[in-house]
N, C-alpha and C. Protein backbone atom coordinates (compact mmCIF):
# COMPACT_ATOMS: atom_id res chain seq x y z
N UNK A 1 36.93 -4.41 -110.24
CA UNK A 1 37.03 -3.82 -109.44
C UNK A 1 38.21 -3.37 -108.82
N UNK A 2 38.19 -1.33 -108.83
CA UNK A 2 39.70 -1.02 -108.78
C UNK A 2 39.05 -0.67 -106.53
N UNK A 3 40.70 -0.65 -106.37
CA UNK A 3 41.19 -0.47 -105.28
C UNK A 3 40.64 0.25 -104.54
N UNK A 4 40.00 1.52 -105.18
CA UNK A 4 39.12 2.79 -104.53
C UNK A 4 37.68 2.28 -103.49
N UNK A 5 37.10 1.47 -104.52
CA UNK A 5 35.91 0.47 -104.06
C UNK A 5 35.76 -0.25 -102.83
N UNK A 6 37.16 -0.68 -102.21
CA UNK A 6 37.42 -1.41 -100.86
C UNK A 6 37.90 -0.54 -100.13
N UNK A 7 38.38 0.91 -100.36
CA UNK A 7 38.53 1.79 -98.98
C UNK A 7 37.35 2.28 -98.47
N UNK A 8 37.24 2.50 -97.18
CA UNK A 8 36.03 3.10 -96.25
C UNK A 8 35.80 4.31 -96.54
N UNK A 9 34.91 4.75 -96.85
CA UNK A 9 34.52 5.91 -97.59
C UNK A 9 34.67 6.84 -95.96
N UNK A 10 34.64 8.14 -95.98
CA UNK A 10 34.68 9.11 -95.32
C UNK A 10 33.26 9.39 -94.46
N UNK A 11 32.21 8.24 -95.04
CA UNK A 11 31.06 8.96 -94.02
C UNK A 11 31.07 7.59 -92.77
N UNK A 12 32.00 6.85 -93.07
CA UNK A 12 31.71 5.96 -92.19
C UNK A 12 31.84 6.24 -90.95
N UNK A 13 30.77 5.79 -89.86
CA UNK A 13 31.40 6.55 -88.85
C UNK A 13 31.90 5.51 -87.43
N UNK A 14 32.19 5.94 -86.16
CA UNK A 14 32.57 5.52 -85.18
C UNK A 14 31.66 4.20 -84.78
N UNK A 15 30.24 4.40 -84.68
CA UNK A 15 29.04 3.42 -84.40
C UNK A 15 29.23 2.21 -85.55
N UNK A 16 29.77 2.26 -86.74
CA UNK A 16 29.62 1.46 -87.44
C UNK A 16 31.01 0.60 -87.50
N UNK A 17 32.12 1.05 -86.77
CA UNK A 17 33.40 0.43 -86.46
C UNK A 17 33.12 -0.69 -85.64
N UNK A 18 31.91 -0.11 -84.62
CA UNK A 18 31.73 -1.06 -83.39
C UNK A 18 31.05 -2.44 -83.50
N UNK A 19 30.44 -2.28 -84.95
CA UNK A 19 29.57 -3.61 -85.32
C UNK A 19 30.33 -4.74 -86.09
N UNK A 20 30.07 -5.81 -85.82
CA UNK A 20 30.62 -6.86 -86.55
C UNK A 20 29.12 -7.76 -87.58
N UNK A 21 29.85 -8.19 -88.64
CA UNK A 21 28.39 -8.40 -90.07
C UNK A 21 28.73 -9.99 -89.45
N UNK A 22 27.33 -10.81 -89.80
CA UNK A 22 27.75 -12.10 -88.89
C UNK A 22 27.35 -12.90 -90.42
N UNK A 23 27.02 -13.90 -90.34
CA UNK A 23 27.40 -14.82 -91.21
C UNK A 23 26.01 -14.86 -92.56
N UNK A 24 24.63 -14.40 -91.15
CA UNK A 24 23.35 -14.16 -91.74
C UNK A 24 23.16 -12.85 -92.28
N UNK A 25 24.17 -11.77 -92.39
CA UNK A 25 24.02 -10.38 -92.61
C UNK A 25 23.58 -9.56 -91.74
N UNK A 26 23.52 -9.86 -90.23
CA UNK A 26 22.92 -9.37 -89.05
C UNK A 26 24.26 -8.40 -88.48
N UNK A 27 23.98 -7.37 -87.60
CA UNK A 27 25.17 -6.47 -87.26
C UNK A 27 24.76 -6.69 -85.96
N UNK A 28 26.02 -7.53 -85.38
CA UNK A 28 26.32 -7.94 -83.87
C UNK A 28 26.76 -6.87 -83.24
N UNK A 29 26.72 -6.67 -82.31
CA UNK A 29 27.27 -5.52 -81.48
C UNK A 29 28.56 -6.35 -81.06
N UNK A 30 29.90 -5.03 -80.74
CA UNK A 30 30.74 -5.82 -80.34
C UNK A 30 30.72 -6.30 -78.47
N UNK A 31 31.39 -7.48 -78.76
CA UNK A 31 31.48 -7.72 -77.06
C UNK A 31 32.28 -6.88 -76.09
N UNK A 32 32.78 -5.89 -76.52
CA UNK A 32 33.75 -5.00 -75.59
C UNK A 32 33.02 -4.37 -75.02
N UNK A 33 31.73 -4.02 -75.39
CA UNK A 33 30.34 -2.98 -74.51
C UNK A 33 29.84 -4.12 -73.51
N UNK A 34 30.12 -3.85 -72.37
CA UNK A 34 29.39 -4.43 -71.17
C UNK A 34 28.58 -3.59 -70.66
N UNK A 35 27.50 -4.40 -70.10
CA UNK A 35 26.22 -3.59 -69.14
C UNK A 35 27.41 -3.22 -67.89
N UNK A 36 27.91 -4.26 -67.57
CA UNK A 36 28.21 -3.93 -65.94
C UNK A 36 29.42 -2.93 -66.09
N UNK A 37 29.84 -2.81 -66.83
CA UNK A 37 31.56 -1.95 -66.91
C UNK A 37 30.51 -0.44 -67.28
N UNK A 38 29.58 -0.17 -68.03
CA UNK A 38 28.67 0.82 -68.28
C UNK A 38 28.25 1.31 -66.98
N UNK A 39 27.31 -0.05 -66.19
CA UNK A 39 26.95 0.44 -65.11
C UNK A 39 27.59 1.62 -63.46
N UNK A 40 28.98 0.92 -63.70
CA UNK A 40 29.83 0.89 -62.73
C UNK A 40 30.38 2.65 -63.36
N UNK A 41 30.42 2.57 -64.43
CA UNK A 41 30.88 3.67 -64.98
C UNK A 41 30.08 5.08 -64.97
N UNK A 42 28.67 4.72 -64.68
CA UNK A 42 27.67 5.49 -64.74
C UNK A 42 27.67 6.08 -63.56
N UNK A 43 27.47 4.90 -62.24
CA UNK A 43 27.53 5.46 -60.85
C UNK A 43 28.44 5.69 -60.06
N UNK A 44 29.89 5.42 -60.76
CA UNK A 44 31.72 5.74 -60.05
C UNK A 44 31.91 6.00 -61.10
N UNK A 45 31.87 7.62 -61.67
CA UNK A 45 32.90 7.86 -62.69
C UNK A 45 34.60 7.77 -62.54
N UNK A 46 34.98 7.36 -63.72
CA UNK A 46 36.68 7.30 -63.34
C UNK A 46 36.84 5.64 -63.46
N UNK A 47 36.19 5.08 -63.47
CA UNK A 47 36.01 3.50 -63.30
C UNK A 47 36.48 2.70 -64.50
N UNK A 48 36.02 3.38 -65.47
CA UNK A 48 36.10 2.82 -66.75
C UNK A 48 37.93 2.37 -67.02
N UNK A 49 38.78 2.41 -66.09
CA UNK A 49 40.38 2.13 -66.23
C UNK A 49 40.65 0.73 -65.97
N UNK A 50 39.39 -0.13 -65.02
CA UNK A 50 40.12 -1.43 -64.31
C UNK A 50 39.78 -2.48 -65.10
N UNK A 51 40.94 -2.90 -64.68
CA UNK A 51 41.52 -4.35 -65.29
C UNK A 51 40.24 -5.39 -64.73
N UNK A 52 40.07 -6.92 -65.18
CA UNK A 52 39.23 -7.38 -65.41
C UNK A 52 39.45 -7.94 -63.82
N UNK A 53 40.62 -7.76 -62.85
CA UNK A 53 40.63 -8.34 -61.60
C UNK A 53 39.96 -7.47 -61.11
N UNK A 54 40.24 -6.65 -61.21
CA UNK A 54 40.31 -5.22 -59.84
C UNK A 54 38.09 -4.95 -60.48
N UNK A 55 37.90 -5.25 -61.55
CA UNK A 55 36.00 -5.44 -61.65
C UNK A 55 35.53 -6.37 -61.31
N UNK A 56 36.37 -7.77 -60.89
CA UNK A 56 35.66 -8.52 -60.58
C UNK A 56 35.41 -8.30 -58.85
N UNK A 57 36.55 -7.74 -58.35
CA UNK A 57 36.39 -7.28 -56.73
C UNK A 57 35.19 -6.49 -56.62
N UNK A 58 35.17 -5.84 -57.41
CA UNK A 58 34.17 -4.30 -57.31
C UNK A 58 32.72 -5.03 -57.63
N UNK A 59 32.58 -6.04 -58.48
CA UNK A 59 31.11 -6.88 -58.47
C UNK A 59 31.15 -7.49 -57.50
N UNK A 60 32.37 -8.13 -57.10
CA UNK A 60 31.91 -9.02 -55.45
C UNK A 60 31.33 -7.90 -54.38
N UNK A 61 31.83 -6.92 -54.50
CA UNK A 61 32.06 -5.92 -52.97
C UNK A 61 30.27 -5.70 -53.28
N UNK A 62 29.89 -5.34 -54.49
CA UNK A 62 28.49 -4.87 -54.36
C UNK A 62 27.32 -6.06 -54.55
N UNK A 63 28.06 -7.15 -54.71
CA UNK A 63 26.95 -8.36 -54.34
C UNK A 63 26.95 -8.08 -52.77
N UNK A 64 28.36 -8.24 -52.39
CA UNK A 64 27.73 -8.92 -51.41
C UNK A 64 26.99 -7.46 -50.42
N UNK A 65 27.25 -6.02 -51.03
CA UNK A 65 26.50 -5.03 -50.51
C UNK A 65 25.13 -5.23 -50.40
N UNK A 66 24.52 -5.93 -51.72
CA UNK A 66 23.29 -5.97 -51.96
C UNK A 66 22.86 -7.29 -51.03
N UNK A 67 23.76 -8.56 -50.19
CA UNK A 67 23.38 -9.44 -49.74
C UNK A 67 23.18 -8.58 -48.31
N UNK A 68 24.13 -7.88 -47.99
CA UNK A 68 23.40 -7.04 -46.80
C UNK A 68 22.24 -6.42 -46.56
N UNK A 69 21.84 -5.82 -47.63
CA UNK A 69 20.81 -4.91 -47.58
C UNK A 69 19.36 -6.02 -46.93
N UNK A 70 19.70 -7.24 -47.71
CA UNK A 70 18.86 -7.99 -47.81
C UNK A 70 18.97 -8.93 -46.34
N UNK A 71 19.85 -9.11 -45.42
CA UNK A 71 20.21 -9.45 -44.40
C UNK A 71 18.99 -8.13 -43.32
N UNK A 72 19.49 -6.95 -43.90
CA UNK A 72 19.34 -6.44 -42.90
C UNK A 72 17.55 -6.07 -42.78
N UNK A 73 16.83 -6.69 -43.72
CA UNK A 73 15.72 -6.05 -44.06
C UNK A 73 14.99 -7.72 -43.17
N UNK A 74 15.86 -8.99 -43.28
CA UNK A 74 15.61 -10.01 -42.91
C UNK A 74 15.54 -9.76 -41.30
N UNK A 75 16.76 -9.30 -40.88
CA UNK A 75 16.58 -9.11 -39.17
C UNK A 75 15.72 -7.99 -38.88
N UNK A 76 15.13 -6.84 -39.71
CA UNK A 76 14.28 -6.20 -38.94
C UNK A 76 12.90 -7.03 -38.88
N UNK A 77 12.43 -7.90 -39.98
CA UNK A 77 11.53 -8.88 -39.96
C UNK A 77 11.15 -9.88 -38.88
N UNK A 78 12.35 -10.38 -38.51
CA UNK A 78 12.54 -11.33 -37.31
C UNK A 78 12.25 -10.80 -36.12
N UNK A 79 12.89 -8.80 -35.81
CA UNK A 79 12.80 -8.41 -34.57
C UNK A 79 11.23 -8.16 -34.58
N UNK A 80 10.54 -7.93 -35.58
CA UNK A 80 9.23 -7.64 -35.32
C UNK A 80 8.17 -9.07 -34.90
N UNK A 81 8.86 -9.91 -35.88
CA UNK A 81 7.84 -11.45 -35.59
C UNK A 81 8.69 -11.57 -33.85
N UNK A 82 9.48 -11.81 -33.46
CA UNK A 82 9.78 -11.69 -32.22
C UNK A 82 9.32 -10.80 -31.03
N UNK A 83 9.21 -9.63 -31.53
CA UNK A 83 8.35 -8.62 -30.54
C UNK A 83 7.19 -9.51 -30.33
N UNK A 84 6.69 -9.84 -31.65
CA UNK A 84 4.97 -9.85 -31.40
C UNK A 84 4.63 -11.20 -30.71
N UNK A 85 5.91 -12.06 -31.09
CA UNK A 85 5.39 -13.35 -30.07
C UNK A 85 5.98 -13.41 -28.55
N UNK A 86 6.73 -11.84 -28.16
CA UNK A 86 6.54 -11.53 -27.06
C UNK A 86 5.42 -11.68 -26.20
N UNK A 87 4.64 -10.81 -27.29
CA UNK A 87 3.53 -9.54 -26.86
C UNK A 87 2.50 -10.90 -26.79
N UNK A 88 2.71 -11.56 -27.55
CA UNK A 88 1.57 -13.10 -27.29
C UNK A 88 1.60 -13.84 -26.02
N UNK A 89 3.60 -14.58 -25.86
CA UNK A 89 3.27 -14.89 -24.87
C UNK A 89 2.93 -14.40 -23.17
N UNK A 90 3.28 -13.13 -23.28
CA UNK A 90 3.08 -12.26 -21.84
C UNK A 90 1.54 -12.49 -21.44
N UNK A 91 0.51 -12.06 -22.83
CA UNK A 91 -0.55 -11.85 -22.84
C UNK A 91 -1.13 -13.31 -22.25
N UNK A 92 -0.23 -14.63 -22.82
CA UNK A 92 -1.38 -15.95 -22.42
C UNK A 92 -0.83 -15.93 -20.98
N UNK A 93 0.47 -15.53 -20.89
CA UNK A 93 1.25 -15.66 -19.15
C UNK A 93 -0.13 -15.27 -18.19
N UNK A 94 -0.55 -13.73 -18.13
CA UNK A 94 -1.44 -13.10 -17.85
C UNK A 94 -2.72 -13.62 -17.66
N UNK A 95 -3.04 -14.60 -18.57
CA UNK A 95 -4.63 -14.91 -18.44
C UNK A 95 -4.26 -16.16 -18.03
N UNK A 96 -3.22 -17.34 -18.42
CA UNK A 96 -3.27 -18.29 -17.32
C UNK A 96 -2.98 -18.07 -15.85
N UNK A 97 -1.97 -16.88 -15.34
CA UNK A 97 -2.30 -16.42 -14.15
C UNK A 97 -3.49 -16.19 -13.57
N UNK A 98 -4.72 -15.66 -14.20
CA UNK A 98 -5.77 -15.35 -14.35
C UNK A 98 -6.73 -16.17 -13.88
N UNK A 99 -6.36 -17.02 -14.72
CA UNK A 99 -7.34 -18.82 -14.68
C UNK A 99 -6.94 -18.99 -13.34
N UNK A 100 -5.65 -19.28 -12.98
CA UNK A 100 -5.17 -20.24 -11.90
C UNK A 100 -5.92 -19.37 -10.55
N UNK A 101 -5.88 -18.23 -10.60
CA UNK A 101 -6.11 -17.31 -9.70
C UNK A 101 -7.78 -17.66 -9.35
N UNK A 102 -8.76 -17.77 -10.61
CA UNK A 102 -9.69 -18.14 -10.51
C UNK A 102 -10.47 -19.73 -10.20
N UNK A 103 -9.14 -20.26 -10.33
CA UNK A 103 -9.99 -21.49 -9.73
C UNK A 103 -9.09 -21.86 -8.56
N UNK A 104 -8.46 -21.28 -8.01
CA UNK A 104 -7.77 -21.43 -6.31
C UNK A 104 -9.28 -20.50 -5.69
N UNK A 105 -9.61 -19.38 -6.05
CA UNK A 105 -10.96 -18.96 -5.37
C UNK A 105 -11.82 -19.94 -5.41
N UNK A 106 -11.92 -20.44 -6.42
CA UNK A 106 -13.63 -21.04 -6.56
C UNK A 106 -13.19 -22.00 -5.56
N UNK A 107 -11.78 -22.99 -5.67
CA UNK A 107 -11.72 -23.93 -4.84
C UNK A 107 -12.10 -23.92 -3.09
N UNK A 108 -11.44 -22.33 -2.93
CA UNK A 108 -11.27 -22.32 -1.44
C UNK A 108 -12.88 -21.92 -1.01
N UNK A 109 -13.68 -21.27 -1.77
CA UNK A 109 -15.18 -20.82 -1.74
C UNK A 109 -15.64 -22.48 -1.36
N UNK A 110 -15.80 -23.34 -2.70
CA UNK A 110 -16.10 -24.50 -2.00
C UNK A 110 -16.34 -25.11 -1.38
N UNK A 111 -14.61 -24.83 -0.33
CA UNK A 111 -14.52 -25.94 0.89
C UNK A 111 -14.78 -24.78 2.04
N UNK A 112 -15.14 -24.15 1.88
CA UNK A 112 -15.74 -23.05 2.90
C UNK A 112 -17.11 -23.41 2.65
N UNK A 113 -17.91 -23.27 1.47
CA UNK A 113 -19.62 -23.54 1.65
C UNK A 113 -19.36 -25.12 2.43
N UNK A 114 -18.72 -26.09 1.91
CA UNK A 114 -18.68 -27.38 2.24
C UNK A 114 -18.75 -27.67 3.95
N UNK A 115 -17.75 -26.67 4.53
CA UNK A 115 -17.71 -26.72 6.04
C UNK A 115 -18.15 -25.71 6.59
N UNK A 116 -19.12 -25.01 6.16
CA UNK A 116 -19.63 -24.40 7.01
C UNK A 116 -21.15 -25.52 7.78
N UNK A 117 -21.77 -25.99 7.18
CA UNK A 117 -22.75 -26.85 7.86
C UNK A 117 -22.35 -27.51 9.40
N UNK A 118 -20.57 -27.93 9.14
CA UNK A 118 -19.60 -28.47 10.38
C UNK A 118 -19.83 -27.50 11.43
N UNK A 119 -19.75 -26.73 11.15
CA UNK A 119 -19.68 -25.17 11.80
C UNK A 119 -20.75 -25.38 12.67
N UNK A 120 -21.86 -25.27 11.79
CA UNK A 120 -23.12 -25.18 12.46
C UNK A 120 -23.22 -26.33 13.39
N UNK A 121 -23.31 -27.52 13.35
CA UNK A 121 -22.94 -29.12 13.83
C UNK A 121 -22.19 -28.50 15.28
N UNK A 122 -21.27 -27.85 15.14
CA UNK A 122 -20.22 -27.74 16.16
C UNK A 122 -20.61 -26.82 17.13
N UNK A 123 -21.15 -25.54 16.69
CA UNK A 123 -22.03 -24.59 17.47
C UNK A 123 -22.85 -25.17 18.39
N UNK A 124 -23.71 -26.28 17.10
CA UNK A 124 -25.60 -26.66 18.52
C UNK A 124 -24.61 -27.83 19.68
N UNK A 125 -23.56 -28.42 19.27
CA UNK A 125 -22.92 -29.61 20.08
C UNK A 125 -22.60 -28.16 21.33
N UNK A 126 -21.77 -27.72 20.82
CA UNK A 126 -21.24 -26.58 22.09
C UNK A 126 -22.46 -26.12 23.16
N UNK A 127 -23.16 -25.57 22.40
CA UNK A 127 -24.52 -25.45 22.96
C UNK A 127 -25.59 -26.44 23.82
N UNK A 128 -25.37 -27.73 23.01
CA UNK A 128 -25.83 -28.60 24.52
C UNK A 128 -25.63 -29.06 25.43
N UNK A 129 -24.09 -29.06 25.25
CA UNK A 129 -23.33 -29.44 25.69
C UNK A 129 -22.97 -28.53 26.83
N UNK A 130 -22.91 -27.52 26.99
CA UNK A 130 -23.30 -26.51 28.24
C UNK A 130 -24.41 -26.71 28.92
N UNK A 131 -24.99 -26.86 28.28
CA UNK A 131 -26.24 -27.40 29.18
C UNK A 131 -26.42 -28.77 29.68
N UNK A 132 -25.92 -29.79 28.42
CA UNK A 132 -25.96 -31.13 29.41
C UNK A 132 -24.89 -31.88 28.90
N UNK A 133 -23.24 -31.60 29.50
CA UNK A 133 -22.43 -32.43 29.30
C UNK A 133 -21.82 -33.78 28.59
N UNK A 134 -23.34 -34.67 29.04
CA UNK A 134 -23.18 -35.80 28.61
C UNK A 134 -23.14 -35.73 27.14
N UNK A 135 -24.11 -34.63 26.46
CA UNK A 135 -24.26 -35.13 25.12
C UNK A 135 -22.97 -34.53 24.17
N UNK A 136 -22.40 -34.06 25.07
CA UNK A 136 -21.32 -32.82 24.04
C UNK A 136 -20.33 -33.75 23.49
N UNK A 137 -20.10 -35.25 24.16
CA UNK A 137 -18.98 -35.84 23.30
C UNK A 137 -19.49 -36.47 22.06
N UNK A 138 -20.93 -37.11 21.85
CA UNK A 138 -21.62 -37.54 20.75
C UNK A 138 -22.09 -36.35 19.83
N UNK A 139 -21.94 -35.34 20.34
CA UNK A 139 -22.17 -34.40 19.49
C UNK A 139 -21.03 -34.21 18.72
N UNK A 140 -19.67 -34.14 19.35
CA UNK A 140 -18.60 -33.56 18.43
C UNK A 140 -18.27 -34.90 17.59
N UNK A 141 -18.58 -35.83 18.36
CA UNK A 141 -18.23 -37.40 17.50
C UNK A 141 -18.95 -37.13 15.95
N UNK A 142 -19.83 -36.81 15.60
CA UNK A 142 -21.08 -36.74 14.85
C UNK A 142 -20.19 -35.43 13.67
N UNK A 143 -19.90 -34.52 14.21
CA UNK A 143 -19.01 -33.10 13.82
C UNK A 143 -17.46 -33.77 13.16
N UNK A 144 -17.07 -34.82 13.84
CA UNK A 144 -15.97 -35.29 13.11
C UNK A 144 -16.25 -36.10 12.08
N UNK A 145 -17.75 -36.76 11.73
CA UNK A 145 -18.10 -37.92 11.09
C UNK A 145 -18.29 -37.08 9.83
N UNK A 146 -18.91 -35.70 10.10
CA UNK A 146 -19.28 -34.68 8.98
C UNK A 146 -18.26 -34.19 8.60
N UNK A 147 -17.09 -33.99 9.01
CA UNK A 147 -15.92 -33.27 8.70
C UNK A 147 -15.44 -34.61 7.58
N UNK A 148 -15.37 -35.47 7.97
CA UNK A 148 -14.54 -36.34 7.13
C UNK A 148 -14.85 -36.54 5.75
N UNK A 149 -16.65 -36.39 5.89
CA UNK A 149 -17.24 -36.76 4.94
C UNK A 149 -17.48 -35.27 3.75
N UNK A 150 -17.30 -34.19 4.41
CA UNK A 150 -16.43 -33.09 3.61
C UNK A 150 -15.17 -33.64 2.54
N UNK A 151 -14.44 -33.89 3.50
CA UNK A 151 -12.92 -34.04 3.01
C UNK A 151 -12.86 -35.40 2.07
N UNK A 152 -13.63 -36.51 1.85
CA UNK A 152 -13.73 -37.45 0.90
C UNK A 152 -14.37 -36.65 -0.49
N UNK A 153 -15.55 -35.48 -0.09
CA UNK A 153 -15.99 -34.98 -1.05
C UNK A 153 -14.93 -34.17 -1.63
N UNK A 154 -14.24 -33.60 -1.27
CA UNK A 154 -13.06 -32.90 -1.70
C UNK A 154 -12.05 -33.79 -2.61
N UNK A 155 -12.12 -34.98 -2.40
CA UNK A 155 -10.81 -35.98 -2.99
C UNK A 155 -10.09 -36.37 -2.18
N UNK A 156 -9.98 -36.04 -0.81
CA UNK A 156 -9.38 -36.41 -0.01
C UNK A 156 -9.77 -37.97 0.64
N UNK A 157 -8.79 -38.58 1.26
CA UNK A 157 -8.72 -40.16 1.78
C UNK A 157 -7.78 -40.07 3.12
N UNK A 158 -8.86 -41.03 3.57
CA UNK A 158 -7.89 -40.95 5.39
C UNK A 158 -6.84 -41.89 5.29
N UNK A 159 -5.60 -41.86 5.55
CA UNK A 159 -4.73 -42.55 6.26
C UNK A 159 -4.10 -43.15 7.41
N UNK A 160 -4.08 -44.03 8.20
CA UNK A 160 -3.31 -43.98 9.23
C UNK A 160 -3.73 -44.40 10.48
N UNK A 161 -4.92 -45.46 9.83
CA UNK A 161 -6.05 -45.83 10.87
C UNK A 161 -5.08 -47.06 11.65
N UNK A 162 -5.43 -47.52 12.93
CA UNK A 162 -5.06 -48.34 14.20
C UNK A 162 -5.48 -49.53 13.25
N UNK A 163 -4.39 -50.75 12.98
CA UNK A 163 -4.53 -51.79 12.47
C UNK A 163 -3.81 -51.67 11.05
N UNK A 164 -3.70 -51.10 10.21
CA UNK A 164 -3.33 -50.45 9.65
C UNK A 164 -1.93 -50.79 9.12
N UNK A 165 -1.18 -51.73 8.00
CA UNK A 165 0.17 -51.60 7.87
C UNK A 165 0.88 -50.10 7.81
N UNK A 166 2.00 -50.41 8.23
CA UNK A 166 2.79 -49.06 8.26
C UNK A 166 3.18 -48.70 7.12
N UNK A 167 3.21 -47.65 6.22
CA UNK A 167 4.22 -47.62 4.87
C UNK A 167 4.66 -46.33 5.27
N UNK A 168 5.82 -45.95 5.15
CA UNK A 168 6.24 -44.65 5.18
C UNK A 168 6.19 -43.56 4.04
N UNK A 169 5.62 -44.27 2.86
CA UNK A 169 4.97 -43.38 2.10
C UNK A 169 4.08 -42.50 2.56
N UNK A 170 3.36 -42.76 3.38
CA UNK A 170 2.00 -42.27 3.81
C UNK A 170 1.94 -42.12 5.33
N UNK A 171 2.83 -42.38 5.60
CA UNK A 171 3.13 -42.47 7.94
C UNK A 171 4.36 -42.17 8.02
N UNK A 172 4.61 -41.65 9.23
CA UNK A 172 5.32 -40.77 10.01
C UNK A 172 5.61 -41.67 11.21
N UNK A 173 6.36 -42.77 11.73
CA UNK A 173 6.32 -43.19 12.96
C UNK A 173 6.91 -42.18 14.14
N UNK A 174 6.29 -42.07 14.96
CA UNK A 174 6.42 -41.22 15.85
C UNK A 174 7.38 -42.17 17.21
N UNK A 175 7.03 -43.66 17.43
CA UNK A 175 7.34 -44.25 18.48
C UNK A 175 7.30 -45.53 17.65
N UNK A 176 8.19 -46.67 18.16
CA UNK A 176 8.21 -47.93 17.90
C UNK A 176 8.04 -48.71 19.28
N UNK A 177 7.16 -49.79 19.32
CA UNK A 177 6.92 -50.42 20.59
C UNK A 177 6.36 -52.17 20.07
N UNK A 178 7.44 -53.12 20.99
CA UNK A 178 7.31 -54.35 21.09
C UNK A 178 5.57 -54.50 20.57
N UNK A 179 5.66 -55.39 19.96
CA UNK A 179 3.89 -56.18 19.62
C UNK A 179 4.12 -57.32 18.93
N UNK A 180 2.80 -58.29 18.44
CA UNK A 180 2.84 -59.45 17.83
C UNK A 180 3.23 -59.50 16.11
N UNK A 181 3.26 -58.56 15.45
CA UNK A 181 3.53 -58.10 14.45
C UNK A 181 4.24 -57.26 13.88
N UNK A 182 5.68 -57.24 12.89
CA UNK A 182 6.11 -56.37 12.79
C UNK A 182 5.78 -55.04 11.91
N UNK A 183 5.75 -53.85 11.85
CA UNK A 183 4.95 -52.82 11.34
C UNK A 183 3.65 -52.33 10.98
N UNK A 184 2.99 -52.67 11.93
CA UNK A 184 1.38 -52.80 12.46
C UNK A 184 1.60 -50.94 13.18
N UNK A 185 0.04 -50.59 12.75
CA UNK A 185 0.18 -49.34 13.37
C UNK A 185 -0.98 -49.74 14.33
N UNK A 186 -0.11 -49.44 15.79
CA UNK A 186 -1.08 -50.03 16.75
C UNK A 186 -1.55 -48.71 17.74
N UNK A 187 -1.06 -47.18 17.41
CA UNK A 187 -1.88 -46.22 17.72
C UNK A 187 -1.40 -44.94 16.90
N UNK A 188 -2.77 -44.03 17.25
CA UNK A 188 -2.54 -43.11 15.71
C UNK A 188 -2.57 -41.80 16.59
N UNK A 189 -1.60 -40.62 16.54
CA UNK A 189 -1.79 -39.48 17.21
C UNK A 189 -2.21 -38.52 16.32
N UNK A 190 -2.08 -38.73 14.92
CA UNK A 190 -2.85 -37.56 14.20
C UNK A 190 -3.17 -38.52 12.70
N UNK A 191 -4.21 -38.37 12.06
CA UNK A 191 -5.02 -39.01 10.77
C UNK A 191 -4.27 -38.38 9.73
N UNK A 192 -3.67 -39.07 9.11
CA UNK A 192 -3.06 -38.46 7.68
C UNK A 192 -4.03 -38.32 6.08
N UNK A 193 -3.67 -37.50 5.30
CA UNK A 193 -4.58 -37.49 4.32
C UNK A 193 -4.25 -37.41 2.82
N UNK A 194 -4.81 -38.36 1.91
CA UNK A 194 -3.68 -38.40 0.55
C UNK A 194 -5.21 -37.98 -0.65
N UNK A 195 -4.45 -37.55 -1.80
CA UNK A 195 -5.06 -37.39 -2.74
C UNK A 195 -4.94 -38.54 -3.76
N UNK A 196 -5.43 -38.94 -4.07
CA UNK A 196 -4.91 -39.88 -5.07
C UNK A 196 -3.48 -40.61 -4.32
N UNK A 197 -2.21 -40.38 -5.53
CA UNK A 197 -0.91 -40.63 -5.45
C UNK A 197 -0.16 -39.72 -4.73
N UNK A 198 -0.72 -38.42 -4.08
CA UNK A 198 -0.24 -37.29 -3.62
C UNK A 198 -0.16 -37.17 -2.20
N UNK A 199 0.23 -37.02 -1.54
CA UNK A 199 0.29 -37.01 -0.40
C UNK A 199 0.25 -35.51 0.34
N UNK A 200 -0.91 -35.62 1.01
CA UNK A 200 -1.31 -33.98 2.01
C UNK A 200 -1.35 -33.78 3.20
N UNK A 201 -0.85 -34.55 3.90
CA UNK A 201 -0.75 -34.58 5.56
C UNK A 201 -0.49 -36.17 5.75
N UNK A 202 0.98 -36.54 6.28
CA UNK A 202 1.65 -38.11 6.57
C UNK A 202 0.84 -38.05 7.65
N UNK A 203 0.13 -39.21 8.47
CA UNK A 203 -0.26 -39.71 9.69
C UNK A 203 0.78 -40.27 10.44
N UNK A 204 0.48 -39.26 11.64
CA UNK A 204 1.44 -39.39 12.81
C UNK A 204 1.33 -41.13 13.65
N UNK A 205 1.90 -41.72 13.76
CA UNK A 205 1.43 -43.38 14.15
C UNK A 205 2.95 -44.18 15.25
N UNK A 206 2.23 -45.12 16.04
CA UNK A 206 2.95 -45.28 16.83
C UNK A 206 2.81 -46.92 15.85
N UNK A 207 4.17 -47.46 16.05
CA UNK A 207 4.68 -48.98 15.02
C UNK A 207 4.83 -49.66 16.16
N UNK A 208 4.30 -50.94 15.77
CA UNK A 208 4.84 -52.33 16.41
C UNK A 208 6.10 -52.94 16.06
N UNK A 209 6.75 -53.88 16.61
CA UNK A 209 8.07 -54.34 16.60
C UNK A 209 7.83 -55.74 17.27
N UNK A 210 8.52 -56.59 16.56
CA UNK A 210 8.55 -58.05 17.06
C UNK A 210 9.66 -58.17 18.17
N UNK A 211 9.46 -58.80 18.84
CA UNK A 211 10.93 -58.98 19.67
C UNK A 211 11.49 -57.51 20.69
């Protein structure tokens, strides 16, 4: 075989020079052709002369820009969700206020309906007392009893009766007087009322004290 047979022919192209023949006879593209480099050259002409360090910085910057776009989309979605939550909360608050107002109105209506018969009894007692004054006191006492019954139906309990032990949680001592026992209610100026563990109005009382 002569030397002329080993020389490249004039028909050999640049493309042929960018390929390498593998062990299995397949053509392998030269590793110098980089897709990222080609993309940069396409989007940003004139950057084909970047060294590896500058190319890495550009790649990092492009990755950050992509991440910034993703964060902007996430921020937009979060703002939308927050706006929907705020609207839902406002609707819930309005419905709650309406329910509370309706419950208060029903409570007032029930209390008024319960007290209407009491007013009727009082009106009759005053009418009878005007004609026969001796009947006025028994009539008013009957009205008092009916009022306490109405209060009991509403969940109120009377506190602060004579002979009851003084309890500062429910009673207010207006005066202390000598007596046979300590801390016993001997006189009631004003009845108190409680609803379970909640004080509605303290009883105003006079309390005894030994010696």
